[in-house]
Amino acid sequence: MKVKVKYLMWLRDKTGIDQEELELEDNVTLEYLVEKIKELRPSLKKFIDKVFDRENPMIILVNGVKAEPKQKLSDRDEIVFLPPVSGG
């Protein structure tokens, strides 16, 4: 199956791209995808390493809805990594 992964805001700068399409096995979870991205994009590892910790302000959306680690992904899902915003 194929999924589209989008990196918003400063994550774009860290990856050098704003989106990519990844080929995955069927019936994988969001948690698996995050591990795969850490392998493919080492520049993101420290930012998404603990993405599922309660204190982590980063949000992951699957098809526009906040997702949980064990959520199963489907062909053509769109996964968005939304980092915390800072500034004033």
N, C-alpha and C. Protein backbone atom coordinates (compact mmCIF):
# COMPACT_ATOMS: atom_id res chain seq x y z
N MET A 1 0.84 -1.18 0.00
CA MET A 1 0.00 0.00 0.00
C MET A 1 0.88 1.24 0.00
N LYS A 2 0.31 2.34 -0.44
CA LYS A 2 1.02 3.61 -0.46
C LYS A 2 0.31 4.61 0.43
N VAL A 3 1.10 5.39 1.17
CA VAL A 3 0.55 6.48 1.98
C VAL A 3 1.32 7.76 1.65
N LYS A 4 0.65 8.88 1.83
CA LYS A 4 1.30 10.17 1.63
C LYS A 4 1.60 10.76 3.00
N VAL A 5 2.84 11.19 3.18
CA VAL A 5 3.26 11.78 4.45
C VAL A 5 3.61 13.24 4.19
N LYS A 6 3.01 14.14 4.98
CA LYS A 6 3.29 15.57 4.86
C LYS A 6 3.98 16.06 6.11
N TYR A 7 4.98 16.92 5.90
CA TYR A 7 5.73 17.54 6.99
C TYR A 7 5.43 19.03 6.98
N LEU A 8 4.82 19.54 8.03
CA LEU A 8 4.44 20.94 8.07
C LEU A 8 5.45 21.79 8.83
N MET A 9 5.39 23.07 8.56
CA MET A 9 6.18 24.11 9.21
C MET A 9 7.67 23.76 9.25
N TRP A 10 8.31 23.83 10.41
CA TRP A 10 9.76 23.66 10.48
C TRP A 10 10.21 22.23 10.20
N LEU A 11 9.29 21.26 10.21
CA LEU A 11 9.68 19.90 9.83
C LEU A 11 10.08 19.82 8.36
N ARG A 12 9.48 20.70 7.55
CA ARG A 12 9.88 20.80 6.14
C ARG A 12 11.35 21.14 6.01
N ASP A 13 11.80 22.08 6.83
CA ASP A 13 13.21 22.48 6.80
C ASP A 13 14.12 21.32 7.21
N LYS A 14 13.69 20.55 8.19
CA LYS A 14 14.50 19.42 8.69
C LYS A 14 14.60 18.30 7.66
N THR A 15 13.53 18.08 6.89
CA THR A 15 13.54 16.99 5.91
C THR A 15 14.02 17.45 4.53
N GLY A 16 13.82 18.74 4.25
CA GLY A 16 14.15 19.23 2.92
C GLY A 16 13.03 18.98 1.91
N ILE A 17 11.92 18.44 2.37
CA ILE A 17 10.76 18.19 1.51
C ILE A 17 9.49 18.52 2.29
N ASP A 18 8.41 18.74 1.57
CA ASP A 18 7.15 18.99 2.28
C ASP A 18 6.25 17.77 2.32
N GLN A 19 6.48 16.82 1.41
CA GLN A 19 5.71 15.59 1.44
C GLN A 19 6.42 14.49 0.67
N GLU A 20 6.01 13.27 0.95
CA GLU A 20 6.56 12.12 0.23
C GLU A 20 5.53 10.99 0.26
N GLU A 21 5.67 10.10 -0.70
CA GLU A 21 4.82 8.93 -0.74
C GLU A 21 5.66 7.72 -0.35
N LEU A 22 5.14 6.92 0.58
CA LEU A 22 5.88 5.76 1.06
C LEU A 22 5.11 4.49 0.75
N GLU A 23 5.84 3.48 0.35
CA GLU A 23 5.28 2.15 0.11
C GLU A 23 5.45 1.35 1.38
N LEU A 24 4.34 0.82 1.91
CA LEU A 24 4.35 0.05 3.15
C LEU A 24 3.65 -1.28 2.93
N GLU A 25 3.91 -2.22 3.84
CA GLU A 25 3.16 -3.47 3.83
C GLU A 25 1.72 -3.17 4.23
N ASP A 26 0.83 -4.07 3.93
CA ASP A 26 -0.57 -3.92 4.35
C ASP A 26 -0.68 -4.10 5.86
N ASN A 27 -1.71 -3.50 6.45
CA ASN A 27 -2.05 -3.66 7.87
C ASN A 27 -0.98 -3.20 8.85
N VAL A 28 -0.28 -2.13 8.51
CA VAL A 28 0.69 -1.59 9.47
C VAL A 28 0.02 -0.49 10.29
N THR A 29 0.62 -0.18 11.41
CA THR A 29 0.08 0.86 12.30
C THR A 29 0.83 2.17 12.10
N LEU A 30 0.26 3.23 12.65
CA LEU A 30 0.92 4.53 12.64
C LEU A 30 2.26 4.44 13.38
N GLU A 31 2.28 3.70 14.45
CA GLU A 31 3.51 3.50 15.22
C GLU A 31 4.62 2.91 14.33
N TYR A 32 4.28 1.94 13.49
CA TYR A 32 5.23 1.35 12.55
C TYR A 32 5.73 2.42 11.57
N LEU A 33 4.82 3.22 11.04
CA LEU A 33 5.20 4.27 10.11
C LEU A 33 6.19 5.24 10.74
N VAL A 34 5.95 5.63 11.98
CA VAL A 34 6.86 6.56 12.67
C VAL A 34 8.26 5.94 12.77
N GLU A 35 8.34 4.66 13.10
CA GLU A 35 9.64 3.99 13.16
C GLU A 35 10.32 3.97 11.79
N LYS A 36 9.55 3.74 10.76
CA LYS A 36 10.07 3.72 9.39
C LYS A 36 10.61 5.10 9.00
N ILE A 37 9.87 6.14 9.36
CA ILE A 37 10.32 7.51 9.04
C ILE A 37 11.60 7.84 9.78
N LYS A 38 11.74 7.38 11.02
CA LYS A 38 12.98 7.63 11.76
C LYS A 38 14.17 6.99 11.06
N GLU A 39 13.96 5.84 10.42
CA GLU A 39 15.04 5.19 9.65
C GLU A 39 15.34 5.97 8.38
N LEU A 40 14.29 6.39 7.67
CA LEU A 40 14.44 7.07 6.39
C LEU A 40 14.90 8.52 6.52
N ARG A 41 14.49 9.16 7.59
CA ARG A 41 14.76 10.59 7.80
C ARG A 41 15.45 10.80 9.15
N PRO A 42 16.73 10.45 9.25
CA PRO A 42 17.44 10.59 10.53
C PRO A 42 17.37 12.01 11.12
N SER A 43 17.21 13.01 10.26
CA SER A 43 17.13 14.38 10.75
C SER A 43 15.88 14.62 11.60
N LEU A 44 14.90 13.74 11.49
CA LEU A 44 13.67 13.88 12.28
C LEU A 44 13.66 13.05 13.55
N LYS A 45 14.61 12.14 13.68
CA LYS A 45 14.59 11.17 14.78
C LYS A 45 14.37 11.83 16.14
N LYS A 46 15.17 12.83 16.46
CA LYS A 46 15.05 13.43 17.80
C LYS A 46 13.73 14.18 18.00
N PHE A 47 13.09 14.58 16.90
CA PHE A 47 11.83 15.32 17.01
C PHE A 47 10.62 14.39 17.11
N ILE A 48 10.71 13.22 16.50
CA ILE A 48 9.56 12.30 16.53
C ILE A 48 9.82 11.05 17.35
N ASP A 49 10.98 10.99 17.99
CA ASP A 49 11.35 9.81 18.77
C ASP A 49 10.32 9.49 19.85
N LYS A 50 9.80 10.50 20.50
CA LYS A 50 8.84 10.30 21.58
C LYS A 50 7.51 10.97 21.24
N VAL A 51 7.13 10.89 19.98
CA VAL A 51 5.95 11.58 19.49
C VAL A 51 4.66 11.13 20.19
N PHE A 52 4.63 9.92 20.71
CA PHE A 52 3.41 9.42 21.34
C PHE A 52 3.39 9.62 22.86
N ASP A 53 4.42 10.25 23.42
CA ASP A 53 4.41 10.58 24.84
C ASP A 53 3.34 11.64 25.10
N ARG A 54 2.68 11.56 26.22
CA ARG A 54 1.60 12.49 26.54
C ARG A 54 2.07 13.95 26.58
N GLU A 55 3.31 14.18 26.99
CA GLU A 55 3.81 15.55 27.10
C GLU A 55 4.27 16.12 25.76
N ASN A 56 4.40 15.29 24.74
CA ASN A 56 4.89 15.76 23.45
C ASN A 56 3.79 16.55 22.75
N PRO A 57 4.08 17.80 22.36
CA PRO A 57 3.03 18.63 21.75
C PRO A 57 2.83 18.39 20.25
N MET A 58 3.63 17.52 19.62
CA MET A 58 3.46 17.27 18.19
C MET A 58 2.18 16.45 17.97
N ILE A 59 1.49 16.77 16.90
CA ILE A 59 0.25 16.08 16.55
C ILE A 59 0.45 15.35 15.23
N ILE A 60 -0.09 14.14 15.15
CA ILE A 60 -0.11 13.41 13.89
C ILE A 60 -1.56 13.21 13.49
N LEU A 61 -1.86 13.63 12.28
CA LEU A 61 -3.21 13.47 11.74
C LEU A 61 -3.20 12.39 10.66
N VAL A 62 -4.23 11.57 10.66
CA VAL A 62 -4.44 10.61 9.57
C VAL A 62 -5.77 10.98 8.93
N ASN A 63 -5.69 11.40 7.70
CA ASN A 63 -6.88 11.85 6.96
C ASN A 63 -7.63 12.94 7.72
N GLY A 64 -6.86 13.85 8.33
CA GLY A 64 -7.43 15.01 9.00
C GLY A 64 -7.90 14.80 10.42
N VAL A 65 -7.69 13.60 10.97
CA VAL A 65 -8.14 13.30 12.33
C VAL A 65 -6.94 12.90 13.19
N LYS A 66 -6.89 13.45 14.41
CA LYS A 66 -5.78 13.10 15.32
C LYS A 66 -5.73 11.58 15.50
N ALA A 67 -4.54 11.02 15.38
CA ALA A 67 -4.38 9.57 15.36
C ALA A 67 -3.66 9.05 16.59
N GLU A 68 -3.91 7.80 16.88
CA GLU A 68 -3.28 7.08 17.99
C GLU A 68 -2.23 6.12 17.43
N PRO A 69 -1.23 5.74 18.24
CA PRO A 69 -0.13 4.90 17.76
C PRO A 69 -0.58 3.58 17.12
N LYS A 70 -1.58 2.94 17.67
CA LYS A 70 -2.01 1.61 17.20
C LYS A 70 -3.00 1.67 16.04
N GLN A 71 -3.28 2.88 15.57
CA GLN A 71 -4.22 3.01 14.45
C GLN A 71 -3.66 2.33 13.21
N LYS A 72 -4.48 1.51 12.57
CA LYS A 72 -4.09 0.84 11.33
C LYS A 72 -4.17 1.84 10.19
N LEU A 73 -3.20 1.76 9.30
CA LEU A 73 -3.19 2.61 8.13
C LEU A 73 -3.75 1.85 6.94
N SER A 74 -4.29 2.60 5.99
CA SER A 74 -4.88 2.03 4.79
C SER A 74 -4.24 2.66 3.55
N ASP A 75 -4.40 1.99 2.44
CA ASP A 75 -3.89 2.49 1.18
C ASP A 75 -4.42 3.89 0.91
N ARG A 76 -3.53 4.77 0.52
CA ARG A 76 -3.83 6.16 0.17
C ARG A 76 -4.17 7.06 1.36
N ASP A 77 -3.88 6.62 2.57
CA ASP A 77 -4.05 7.51 3.72
C ASP A 77 -3.10 8.68 3.59
N GLU A 78 -3.49 9.81 4.17
CA GLU A 78 -2.64 10.99 4.23
C GLU A 78 -2.28 11.23 5.69
N ILE A 79 -0.99 11.19 5.99
CA ILE A 79 -0.50 11.37 7.34
C ILE A 79 0.21 12.72 7.41
N VAL A 80 -0.17 13.54 8.37
CA VAL A 80 0.40 14.88 8.52
C VAL A 80 1.07 15.00 9.88
N PHE A 81 2.33 15.41 9.87
CA PHE A 81 3.07 15.69 11.09
C PHE A 81 2.99 17.19 11.34
N LEU A 82 2.32 17.55 12.43
CA LEU A 82 2.10 18.94 12.79
C LEU A 82 2.88 19.26 14.05
N PRO A 83 4.02 19.94 13.91
CA PRO A 83 4.84 20.24 15.08
C PRO A 83 4.26 21.39 15.90
N PRO A 84 4.72 21.52 17.14
CA PRO A 84 4.25 22.63 17.97
C PRO A 84 4.71 23.97 17.38
N VAL A 85 3.91 24.98 17.62
CA VAL A 85 4.23 26.32 17.16
C VAL A 85 4.73 27.11 18.35
N SER A 86 5.78 27.89 18.14
CA SER A 86 6.27 28.76 19.21
C SER A 86 6.47 30.15 18.63
N GLY A 87 6.59 31.07 19.50
CA GLY A 87 6.80 32.44 19.04
C GLY A 87 5.84 33.37 19.77
N GLY A 88 5.84 34.58 19.36
CA GLY A 88 4.97 35.51 20.06
C GLY A 88 4.57 36.66 19.25
